[in-house]
C-alpha atoms as a PDB file:
ATOM      1  CA  MET A   1      -0.184   0.164   0.229  1.00  0.00           C
ATOM      2  CA  SER A   2       1.236   3.520  -0.852  1.00  0.00           C
ATOM      3  CA  GLU A   3       0.151   6.753  -0.093  1.00  0.00           C
ATOM      4  CA  GLY A   4       2.641   9.582  -0.820  1.00  0.00           C
ATOM      5  CA  PRO A   5       6.103   9.386   0.758  1.00  0.00           C
ATOM      6  CA  PHE A   6       5.139   6.740   2.328  1.00  0.00           C
ATOM      7  CA  GLU A   7       4.305   3.018   2.072  1.00  0.00           C
ATOM      8  CA  VAL A   8       3.216  -0.291   4.310  1.00  0.00           C
ATOM      9  CA  VAL A   9       5.057  -3.038   3.591  1.00  0.00           C
ATOM     10  CA  THR A  10       6.257  -7.082   5.283  1.00  0.00           C
ATOM     11  CA  VAL A  11       9.462  -6.991   6.586  1.00  0.00           C
ATOM     12  CA  PRO A  12      10.937 -10.672   6.170  1.00  0.00           C
ATOM     13  CA  GLY A  13      10.025 -11.157   9.441  1.00  0.00           C
ATOM     14  CA  GLY A  14       6.299 -11.019   8.884  1.00  0.00           C
ATOM     15  CA  ALA A  15       5.709  -7.878  10.422  1.00  0.00           C
ATOM     16  CA  ARG A  16       3.887  -4.587   9.014  1.00  0.00           C
ATOM     17  CA  SER A  17       6.211  -1.705   9.378  1.00  0.00           C
ATOM     18  CA  LEU A  18       7.162   1.930   7.069  1.00  0.00           C
ATOM     19  CA  ARG A  19       9.094   2.789   3.865  1.00  0.00           C
ATOM     20  CA  SER A  20      10.107   5.739   3.352  1.00  0.00           C
ATOM     21  CA  ARG A  21       9.832   5.949  -0.576  1.00  0.00           C
ATOM     22  CA  GLU A  22      12.013   9.375  -0.430  1.00  0.00           C
ATOM     23  CA  HIS A  23      14.640   7.851   1.508  1.00  0.00           C
ATOM     24  CA  GLY A  24      14.451   4.401  -0.111  1.00  0.00           C
ATOM     25  CA  GLU A  25      14.975   2.851   3.173  1.00  0.00           C
ATOM     26  CA  THR A  26      12.675   0.858   5.592  1.00  0.00           C
ATOM     27  CA  PHE A  27      11.800   1.507   8.960  1.00  0.00           C
ATOM     28  CA  HIS A  28      12.705  -1.100  11.202  1.00  0.00           C
ATOM     29  CA  PRO A  29      13.761  -3.695   8.597  1.00  0.00           C
ATOM     30  CA  GLY A  30      13.986  -7.744   9.241  1.00  0.00           C
ATOM     31  CA  ILE A  31      11.975  -8.590  12.580  1.00  0.00           C
ATOM     32  CA  GLY A  32       9.445  -5.561  12.750  1.00  0.00           C
ATOM     33  CA  PRO A  33       8.730  -2.392  14.540  1.00  0.00           C
ATOM     34  CA  MET A  34       8.172  -3.519  17.896  1.00  0.00           C
ATOM     35  CA  GLN A  35      10.360  -6.564  18.229  1.00  0.00           C
ATOM     36  CA  GLU A  36      13.377  -4.512  17.175  1.00  0.00           C
ATOM     37  CA  ALA A  37      12.532  -1.653  19.434  1.00  0.00           C
ATOM     38  CA  ARG A  38      12.592  -4.216  22.514  1.00  0.00           C
ATOM     39  CA  ILE A  39      15.564  -5.550  21.884  1.00  0.00           C
ATOM     40  CA  LEU A  40      17.919  -2.186  20.095  1.00  0.00           C
ATOM     41  CA  HIS A  41      16.453  -0.107  22.806  1.00  0.00           C
ATOM     42  CA  VAL A  42      14.555  -1.240  26.014  1.00  0.00           C
ATOM     43  CA  ALA A  43      16.541  -4.316  27.032  1.00  0.00           C
ATOM     44  CA  GLN A  44      19.793  -2.465  26.402  1.00  0.00           C
ATOM     45  CA  HIS A  45      18.832   0.677  28.347  1.00  0.00           C
ATOM     46  CA  ARG A  46      18.499  -1.767  31.400  1.00  0.00           C
ATOM     47  CA  LEU A  47      15.744   0.304  33.193  1.00  0.00           C
ATOM     48  CA  GLU A  48      15.189  -2.240  35.450  1.00  0.00           C
ATOM     49  CA  GLU A  49      18.362  -1.394  36.846  1.00  0.00           C
ATOM     50  CA  ARG A  50      18.499   2.386  36.658  1.00  0.00           C
ATOM     51  CA  LEU A  51      14.706   3.782  35.901  1.00  0.00           C
ATOM     52  CA  ALA A  52      14.129   6.644  39.048  1.00  0.00           C
ATOM     53  CA  ALA A  53      12.133   9.366  39.570  1.00  0.00           C
ATOM     54  CA  GLY A  54      13.329  11.787  36.585  1.00  0.00           C
ATOM     55  CA  PHE A  55      14.220   9.852  34.508  1.00  0.00           C
ATOM     56  CA  VAL A  56      15.116  11.258  30.728  1.00  0.00           C
ATOM     57  CA  ILE A  57      15.032   9.739  27.497  1.00  0.00           C
ATOM     58  CA  TRP A  58      16.020  11.328  24.578  1.00  0.00           C
ATOM     59  CA  ASP A  59      14.430   9.348  20.982  1.00  0.00           C
ATOM     60  CA  VAL A  60      16.251  10.774  18.461  1.00  0.00           C
ATOM     61  CA  GLY A  61      13.979  10.355  15.015  1.00  0.00           C
ATOM     62  CA  LEU A  62      10.822   9.836  16.453  1.00  0.00           C
ATOM     63  CA  GLY A  63       9.907   8.194  12.958  1.00  0.00           C
ATOM     64  CA  ALA A  64       6.458   6.684  13.241  1.00  0.00           C
ATOM     65  CA  GLY A  65       6.665   6.083  16.749  1.00  0.00           C
ATOM     66  CA  ALA A  66       7.678   2.494  17.259  1.00  0.00           C
ATOM     67  CA  ASN A  67      10.745   3.340  19.803  1.00  0.00           C
ATOM     68  CA  ALA A  68       8.722   5.735  22.000  1.00  0.00           C
ATOM     69  CA  ILE A  69       5.539   3.256  22.101  1.00  0.00           C
ATOM     70  CA  ALA A  70       7.744  -0.406  22.885  1.00  0.00           C
ATOM     71  CA  MET A  71       9.326   2.376  25.634  1.00  0.00           C
ATOM     72  CA  ILE A  72       5.702   3.632  27.338  1.00  0.00           C
ATOM     73  CA  GLU A  73       4.844   0.033  26.905  1.00  0.00           C
ATOM     74  CA  ALA A  74       8.298  -1.069  28.936  1.00  0.00           C
ATOM     75  CA  LEU A  75       7.580   1.172  31.315  1.00  0.00           C
ATOM     76  CA  HIS A  76       3.678   0.320  31.819  1.00  0.00           C
ATOM     77  CA  ALA A  77       4.677  -3.485  32.025  1.00  0.00           C
ATOM     78  CA  MET A  78       7.312  -2.177  35.144  1.00  0.00           C
ATOM     79  CA  GLY A  79       4.689  -0.489  37.571  1.00  0.00           C
ATOM     80  CA  LYS A  80       6.380   1.617  38.581  1.00  0.00           C
ATOM     81  CA  LYS A  81       4.109   4.476  39.381  1.00  0.00           C
ATOM     82  CA  GLU A  82       6.279   6.403  41.670  1.00  0.00           C
ATOM     83  CA  SER A  83       8.740   7.177  38.654  1.00  0.00           C
ATOM     84  CA  ARG A  84       8.250  10.288  36.639  1.00  0.00           C
ATOM     85  CA  VAL A  85       9.632   9.581  33.360  1.00  0.00           C
ATOM     86  CA  GLU A  86      10.037  12.231  30.228  1.00  0.00           C
ATOM     87  CA  ILE A  87      10.265  11.094  27.170  1.00  0.00           C
ATOM     88  CA  ARG A  88      10.770  13.607  24.470  1.00  0.00           C
ATOM     89  CA  SER A  89      10.430  12.699  20.714  1.00  0.00           C
ATOM     90  CA  PHE A  90      12.975  14.320  18.288  1.00  0.00           C
ATOM     91  CA  ASP A  91      12.673  14.875  14.357  1.00  0.00           C
ATOM     92  CA  GLU A  92      11.618  17.294  11.545  1.00  0.00           C
ATOM     93  CA  THR A  93       8.760  16.331  10.166  1.00  0.00           C
ATOM     94  CA  LEU A  94       5.788  14.373  12.118  1.00  0.00           C
ATOM     95  CA  GLU A  95       4.423  12.944   8.666  1.00  0.00           C
ATOM     96  CA  PRO A  96       5.656   9.532   9.235  1.00  0.00           C
ATOM     97  CA  LEU A  97       3.766   9.387  12.932  1.00  0.00           C
ATOM     98  CA  ARG A  98       0.711  10.477  11.211  1.00  0.00           C
ATOM     99  CA  PHE A  99       0.723   8.379   8.620  1.00  0.00           C
ATOM    100  CA  ALA A 100       1.046   5.738  11.216  1.00  0.00           C
ATOM    101  CA  LEU A 101      -1.827   6.480  13.172  1.00  0.00           C
ATOM    102  CA  LYS A 102      -3.601   6.598   9.897  1.00  0.00           C
ATOM    103  CA  HIS A 103      -2.751   3.209   9.345  1.00  0.00           C
ATOM    104  CA  ALA A 104      -2.951   1.865  12.886  1.00  0.00           C
ATOM    105  CA  GLU A 105      -4.682  -1.607  12.185  1.00  0.00           C
ATOM    106  CA  GLU A 106      -2.674  -2.414   9.801  1.00  0.00           C
ATOM    107  CA  LEU A 107       0.816  -1.597  11.309  1.00  0.00           C
ATOM    108  CA  ARG A 108      -1.017  -3.391  14.775  1.00  0.00           C
ATOM    109  CA  TYR A 109       1.612  -1.216  17.388  1.00  0.00           C
ATOM    110  CA  PRO A 110       0.064   1.890  17.036  1.00  0.00           C
ATOM    111  CA  ALA A 111      -3.805   0.955  17.207  1.00  0.00           C
ATOM    112  CA  ARG A 112      -3.337   0.904  21.108  1.00  0.00           C
ATOM    113  CA  TRP A 113      -2.351   3.951  21.623  1.00  0.00           C
ATOM    114  CA  LYS A 114      -4.578   6.206  18.841  1.00  0.00           C
ATOM    115  CA  PRO A 115      -5.985   9.093  21.555  1.00  0.00           C
ATOM    116  CA  GLN A 116      -2.464   9.493  22.724  1.00  0.00           C
ATOM    117  CA  ILE A 117      -1.109   9.647  19.822  1.00  0.00           C
ATOM    118  CA  GLU A 118      -3.501  12.368  18.662  1.00  0.00           C
ATOM    119  CA  GLN A 119      -3.212  14.099  21.274  1.00  0.00           C
ATOM    120  CA  LEU A 120       0.510  14.361  20.752  1.00  0.00           C
ATOM    121  CA  LEU A 121       0.384  15.679  17.553  1.00  0.00           C
ATOM    122  CA  LEU A 122      -2.255  18.206  18.601  1.00  0.00           C
ATOM    123  CA  ARG A 123      -0.701  19.667  21.571  1.00  0.00           C
ATOM    124  CA  GLY A 124       3.072  18.301  21.325  1.00  0.00           C
ATOM    125  CA  LYS A 125       2.646  16.325  24.429  1.00  0.00           C
ATOM    126  CA  VAL A 126       0.460  14.040  26.007  1.00  0.00           C
ATOM    127  CA  GLU A 127       0.575  12.592  29.999  1.00  0.00           C
ATOM    128  CA  ILE A 128       0.651   8.711  29.631  1.00  0.00           C
ATOM    129  CA  GLY A 129       0.305   7.507  33.751  1.00  0.00           C
ATOM    130  CA  SER A 130       3.551   8.888  35.237  1.00  0.00           C
ATOM    131  CA  ILE A 131       5.602   9.285  31.876  1.00  0.00           C
ATOM    132  CA  ILE A 132       5.355  12.368  29.751  1.00  0.00           C
ATOM    133  CA  TRP A 133       5.391  12.062  25.466  1.00  0.00           C
ATOM    134  CA  ILE A 134       6.993  15.600  24.470  1.00  0.00           C
ATOM    135  CA  LEU A 135       7.698  16.379  20.826  1.00  0.00           C
ATOM    136  CA  ASP A 136      10.790  18.154  20.012  1.00  0.00           C
ATOM    137  CA  THR A 137      10.185  19.001  15.862  1.00  0.00           C
ATOM    138  CA  GLY A 138      13.091  20.781  13.637  1.00  0.00           C
ATOM    139  CA  ASP A 139      16.669  20.167  13.033  1.00  0.00           C
ATOM    140  CA  PHE A 140      18.578  18.440  15.998  1.00  0.00           C
ATOM    141  CA  ARG A 141      21.345  19.822  15.018  1.00  0.00           C
ATOM    142  CA  GLU A 142      20.006  22.891  15.667  1.00  0.00           C
ATOM    143  CA  ARG A 143      17.684  21.820  18.578  1.00  0.00           C
ATOM    144  CA  ILE A 144      20.045  20.481  20.576  1.00  0.00           C
ATOM    145  CA  ASN A 145      22.026  23.315  21.136  1.00  0.00           C
ATOM    146  CA  GLN A 146      18.027  24.605  21.894  1.00  0.00           C
ATOM    147  CA  CYS A 147      16.900  22.279  24.342  1.00  0.00           C
ATOM    148  CA  THR A 148      17.154  23.412  27.929  1.00  0.00           C
ATOM    149  CA  GLY A 149      14.729  20.499  29.481  1.00  0.00           C
ATOM    150  CA  PRO A 150      16.377  18.192  32.105  1.00  0.00           C
ATOM    151  CA  ALA A 151      19.916  15.783  30.741  1.00  0.00           C
ATOM    152  CA  PRO A 152      18.535  12.538  29.474  1.00  0.00           C
ATOM    153  CA  ASN A 153      19.452   9.434  31.122  1.00  0.00           C
ATOM    154  CA  ALA A 154      18.889   7.176  28.256  1.00  0.00           C
ATOM    155  CA  ILE A 155      18.644   8.234  24.481  1.00  0.00           C
ATOM    156  CA  MET A 156      17.471   6.373  21.454  1.00  0.00           C
ATOM    157  CA  PHE A 157      19.673   7.135  18.375  1.00  0.00           C
ATOM    158  CA  ASP A 158      17.623   6.024  15.757  1.00  0.00           C
ATOM    159  CA  PRO A 159      17.327   8.677  12.346  1.00  0.00           C
ATOM    160  CA  TYR A 160      17.617   7.447   8.408  1.00  0.00           C
ATOM    161  CA  SER A 161      21.076   5.564   7.441  1.00  0.00           C
ATOM    162  CA  PRO A 162      24.631   7.255   7.321  1.00  0.00           C
ATOM    163  CA  THR A 163      23.708   7.032   3.553  1.00  0.00           C
ATOM    164  CA  ALA A 164      20.673   8.509   3.604  1.00  0.00           C
ATOM    165  CA  ASN A 165      21.368  11.555   5.992  1.00  0.00           C
ATOM    166  CA  PRO A 166      24.753  11.537   6.871  1.00  0.00           C
ATOM    167  CA  GLY A 167      24.821  14.572   8.798  1.00  0.00           C
ATOM    168  CA  MET A 168      23.098  13.046  11.628  1.00  0.00           C
ATOM    169  CA  TRP A 169      26.090  10.674  12.247  1.00  0.00           C
ATOM    170  CA  THR A 170      28.760  13.375  12.643  1.00  0.00           C
ATOM    171  CA  ARG A 171      31.650  13.431  15.627  1.00  0.00           C
ATOM    172  CA  GLN A 172      29.882  16.953  15.907  1.00  0.00           C
ATOM    173  CA  VAL A 173      26.297  16.011  16.342  1.00  0.00           C
ATOM    174  CA  PHE A 174      27.907  12.813  18.816  1.00  0.00           C
ATOM    175  CA  GLN A 175      29.554  15.085  20.719  1.00  0.00           C
ATOM    176  CA  ALA A 176      26.376  17.571  21.170  1.00  0.00           C
ATOM    177  CA  ILE A 177      24.951  15.101  22.776  1.00  0.00           C
ATOM    178  CA  ARG A 178      27.547  13.942  25.068  1.00  0.00           C
ATOM    179  CA  GLU A 179      27.930  16.878  26.532  1.00  0.00           C
ATOM    180  CA  LYS A 180      24.002  17.253  27.263  1.00  0.00           C
ATOM    181  CA  ALA A 181      23.765  14.089  28.320  1.00  0.00           C
ATOM    182  CA  ALA A 182      23.583  13.151  32.309  1.00  0.00           C
ATOM    183  CA  THR A 183      26.511  11.537  34.234  1.00  0.00           C
ATOM    184  CA  ASP A 184      24.232   8.192  33.687  1.00  0.00           C
ATOM    185  CA  CYS A 185      23.860   7.807  30.027  1.00  0.00           C
ATOM    186  CA  THR A 186      23.125   5.141  27.655  1.00  0.00           C
ATOM    187  CA  LEU A 187      22.683   5.390  24.173  1.00  0.00           C
ATOM    188  CA  THR A 188      21.528   2.939  21.612  1.00  0.00           C
ATOM    189  CA  THR A 189      21.825   2.912  17.686  1.00  0.00           C
ATOM    190  CA  TYR A 190      21.524   0.389  14.926  1.00  0.00           C
ATOM    191  CA  SER A 191      24.527   0.870  13.494  1.00  0.00           C
ATOM    192  CA  ARG A 192      27.631  -0.846  13.965  1.00  0.00           C
ATOM    193  CA  SER A 193      29.940   0.585  11.226  1.00  0.00           C
ATOM    194  CA  THR A 194      33.157   1.041  12.360  1.00  0.00           C
ATOM    195  CA  VAL A 195      33.343   4.721  11.489  1.00  0.00           C
ATOM    196  CA  THR A 196      30.236   5.258  13.755  1.00  0.00           C
ATOM    197  CA  ARG A 197      31.759   3.638  16.812  1.00  0.00           C
ATOM    198  CA  ALA A 198      35.147   5.400  15.565  1.00  0.00           C
ATOM    199  CA  ARG A 199      33.418   9.148  15.868  1.00  0.00           C
ATOM    200  CA  LEU A 200      31.147   8.000  19.274  1.00  0.00           C
ATOM    201  CA  LEU A 201      34.412   7.397  20.697  1.00  0.00           C
ATOM    202  CA  GLN A 202      35.917  10.393  19.435  1.00  0.00           C
ATOM    203  CA  ALA A 203      33.193  12.625  21.110  1.00  0.00           C
ATOM    204  CA  GLY A 204      33.814  10.468  24.505  1.00  0.00           C
ATOM    205  CA  TRP A 205      31.524   8.121  25.146  1.00  0.00           C
ATOM    206  CA  CYS A 206      32.468   4.789  25.886  1.00  0.00           C
ATOM    207  CA  VAL A 207      31.608   2.184  23.156  1.00  0.00           C
ATOM    208  CA  GLY A 208      30.683  -1.496  23.290  1.00  0.00           C
ATOM    209  CA  ARG A 209      29.145  -3.922  21.135  1.00  0.00           C
ATOM    210  CA  GLY A 210      24.935  -4.176  21.083  1.00  0.00           C
ATOM    211  CA  ALA A 211      22.375  -7.461  20.532  1.00  0.00           C
ATOM    212  CA  ALA A 212      22.001  -8.441  17.492  1.00  0.00           C
ATOM    213  CA  THR A 213      18.441  -8.082  15.998  1.00  0.00           C
ATOM    214  CA  GLY A 214      17.664 -10.090  12.858  1.00  0.00           C
ATOM    215  CA  GLU A 215      19.796  -9.293  10.487  1.00  0.00           C
ATOM    216  CA  LYS A 216      22.314  -7.189  12.044  1.00  0.00           C
ATOM    217  CA  THR A 217      24.518  -9.484  13.835  1.00  0.00           C
ATOM    218  CA  GLU A 218      25.164  -6.672  16.648  1.00  0.00           C
ATOM    219  CA  THR A 219      24.481  -3.312  17.266  1.00  0.00           C
ATOM    220  CA  THR A 220      26.028  -0.284  19.048  1.00  0.00           C
ATOM    221  CA  VAL A 221      25.754   0.584  23.141  1.00  0.00           C
ATOM    222  CA  ALA A 222      26.998   4.245  23.653  1.00  0.00           C
ATOM    223  CA  ALA A 223      27.491   5.145  27.298  1.00  0.00           C
ATOM    224  CA  THR A 224      28.787   7.631  30.041  1.00  0.00           C
ATOM    225  CA  ARG A 225      30.379   5.370  32.388  1.00  0.00           C
ATOM    226  CA  LEU A 226      31.809   2.032  31.177  1.00  0.00           C
ATOM    227  CA  ASP A 227      30.527  -0.234  33.941  1.00  0.00           C
ATOM    228  CA  ARG A 228      27.810   0.284  31.486  1.00  0.00           C
ATOM    229  CA  LEU A 229      28.358  -1.578  28.581  1.00  0.00           C
ATOM    230  CA  ARG A 230      28.456  -5.192  28.755  1.00  0.00           C
ATOM    231  CA  GLU A 231      30.591  -5.825  26.036  1.00  0.00           C
ATOM    232  CA  PRO A 232      33.199  -2.790  25.307  1.00  0.00           C
ATOM    233  CA  LEU A 233      35.049  -2.170  22.203  1.00  0.00           C
ATOM    234  CA  ARG A 234      38.257  -4.608  22.935  1.00  0.00           C
ATOM    235  CA  ARG A 235      41.521  -5.024  21.091  1.00  0.00           C
ATOM    236  CA  ASP A 236      39.643  -7.105  18.424  1.00  0.00           C
ATOM    237  CA  TRP A 237      38.205  -4.376  17.298  1.00  0.00           C
ATOM    238  CA  LEU A 238      41.002  -1.752  17.144  1.00  0.00           C
ATOM    239  CA  GLU A 239      43.064  -4.206  15.283  1.00  0.00           C
ATOM    240  CA  ARG A 240      40.558  -4.448  12.637  1.00  0.00           C
ATOM    241  CA  VAL A 241      40.650  -0.379  12.831  1.00  0.00           C
ATOM    242  CA  LYS A 242      44.678  -0.493  11.779  1.00  0.00           C
ATOM    243  CA  ARG A 243      43.167  -3.261   8.911  1.00  0.00           C
ATOM    244  CA  SER A 244      41.171  -0.958   7.594  1.00  0.00           C
ATOM    245  CA  ARG A 245      43.413   2.532   7.351  1.00  0.00           C
ATOM    246  CA  ALA A 246      46.256  -0.171   6.236  1.00  0.00           C
ATOM    247  CA  ALA A 247      44.062  -1.047   3.415  1.00  0.00           C
ATOM    248  CA  GLY A 248      44.103   2.192   2.370  1.00  0.00           C
ATOM    249  CA  LEU A 249      40.002   3.047   4.053  1.00  0.00           C
ATOM    250  CA  THR A 250      39.760   6.890   1.600  1.00  0.00           C
ATOM    251  CA  GLU A 251      35.999   7.916   2.593  1.00  0.00           C
ATOM    252  CA  GLN A 252      36.567  11.509   3.239  1.00  0.00           C
ATOM    253  CA  GLY A 253      37.634  11.913   6.988  1.00  0.00           C
ATOM    254  CA  VAL A 254      37.560   8.520   7.988  1.00  0.00           C
ATOM    255  CA  THR A 255      41.388   8.152   7.964  1.00  0.00           C
ATOM    256  CA  PRO A 256      42.166  10.547  10.951  1.00  0.00           C
ATOM    257  CA  GLU A 257      38.816   9.378  12.388  1.00  0.00           C
ATOM    258  CA  MET A 258      40.044   6.379  12.665  1.00  0.00           C
ATOM    259  CA  LEU A 259      43.944   7.398  13.991  1.00  0.00           C
ATOM    260  CA  ALA A 260      41.557   9.634  17.291  1.00  0.00           C
ATOM    261  CA  ALA A 261      39.907   6.418  17.194  1.00  0.00           C
ATOM    262  CA  GLU A 262      42.358   4.371  18.336  1.00  0.00           C
ATOM    263  CA  LEU A 263      43.779   6.357  20.912  1.00  0.00           C
ATOM    264  CA  ALA A 264      39.941   6.884  22.421  1.00  0.00           C
ATOM    265  CA  LEU A 265      39.721   2.982  22.578  1.00  0.00           C
ATOM    266  CA  SER A 266      43.377   2.713  23.982  1.00  0.00           C
ATOM    267  CA  ALA A 267      42.158   4.981  26.806  1.00  0.00           C
ATOM    268  CA  GLN A 268      38.232   3.145  27.566  1.00  0.00           C
ATOM    269  CA  MET A 269      40.540  -0.040  27.861  1.00  0.00           C
ATOM    270  CA  GLN A 270      42.794   1.725  30.419  1.00  0.00           C
ATOM    271  CA  ILE A 271      39.814   2.445  32.665  1.00  0.00           C
ATOM    272  CA  GLU A 272      39.072  -1.536  32.742  1.00  0.00           C
END
C-alpha cells in the first residue's frame, strides 16, 4: 500500500512497517518495529536497574513512533508509578507518525495508543500515567543546542541511515549529545559501522557491541560510564580499525578519525 512519501510493507519477519519512498529505506527492517525496538533500545538501556524519579529518555528520530511506544509499554509493564519519566521525541517532520496513525490497525503497534498519539500531534505533549511524552520538532543539530530540558539518561538514536542522512552521524552531533547527557547515560543505535563507533569514541563516549536484531549480527551501545557496557570494544576491534586503514580506506575524513579512535579506545581499555 502506498500513499505519498510512505507505504506500508511487510518485512522479512512478517511484521508490517513503513517504507520511506523518498529515502528508499524501511523503518525497522528485518524483524519489524516493536521487536526491534524492544531488543535494540528497551532491553539495552537496562531500565530495571536504572529507572529512578526524573528519568529522561531522548528518542532521536521519532519516525513512526515505534521506539517511543515500545518504551512506554515497557515502562507500564514495570509498574513503577512513582518514577516520573520524560520521553522527548526529536524529528524534523511528523509525517511518518501521522501516516502510522492513519494506518494504525494495519501496522498494529500504534492501534492501542491512537488517542494518545492524536493528543501528542495536537498539543505537542501527552501524559500517559507517570510518563510525559513530548515532541521536539526541527533540525536536531539545531534543537540540541536550544534544548534546556533535563539531561537525558537514555538515548534511542535512530535517524535515517548514514547514507541517507549523513549530517546526523558526525562526531559533532555525538559530541553535542555527550555534552548534554547525564552523568549516567546510555545511547543505543542500530549502526555497527566502524566509522560510527569511531566517531562516538572521538566524542567522548565509551563504546561497546550491542545485541543482534534480526538481519544485524550486532548493534552499538555507548555510555558515559564504562561499567554500563556489557561488551566494551576491545583489542580485536582496534586491530580491525588498523587493518582498514592499512588497506587504504579513503572515505573523506575517515583516516584521521581512525587514528583518533585508536587513541580513544586505548584510553577506554585502560579504564577497565
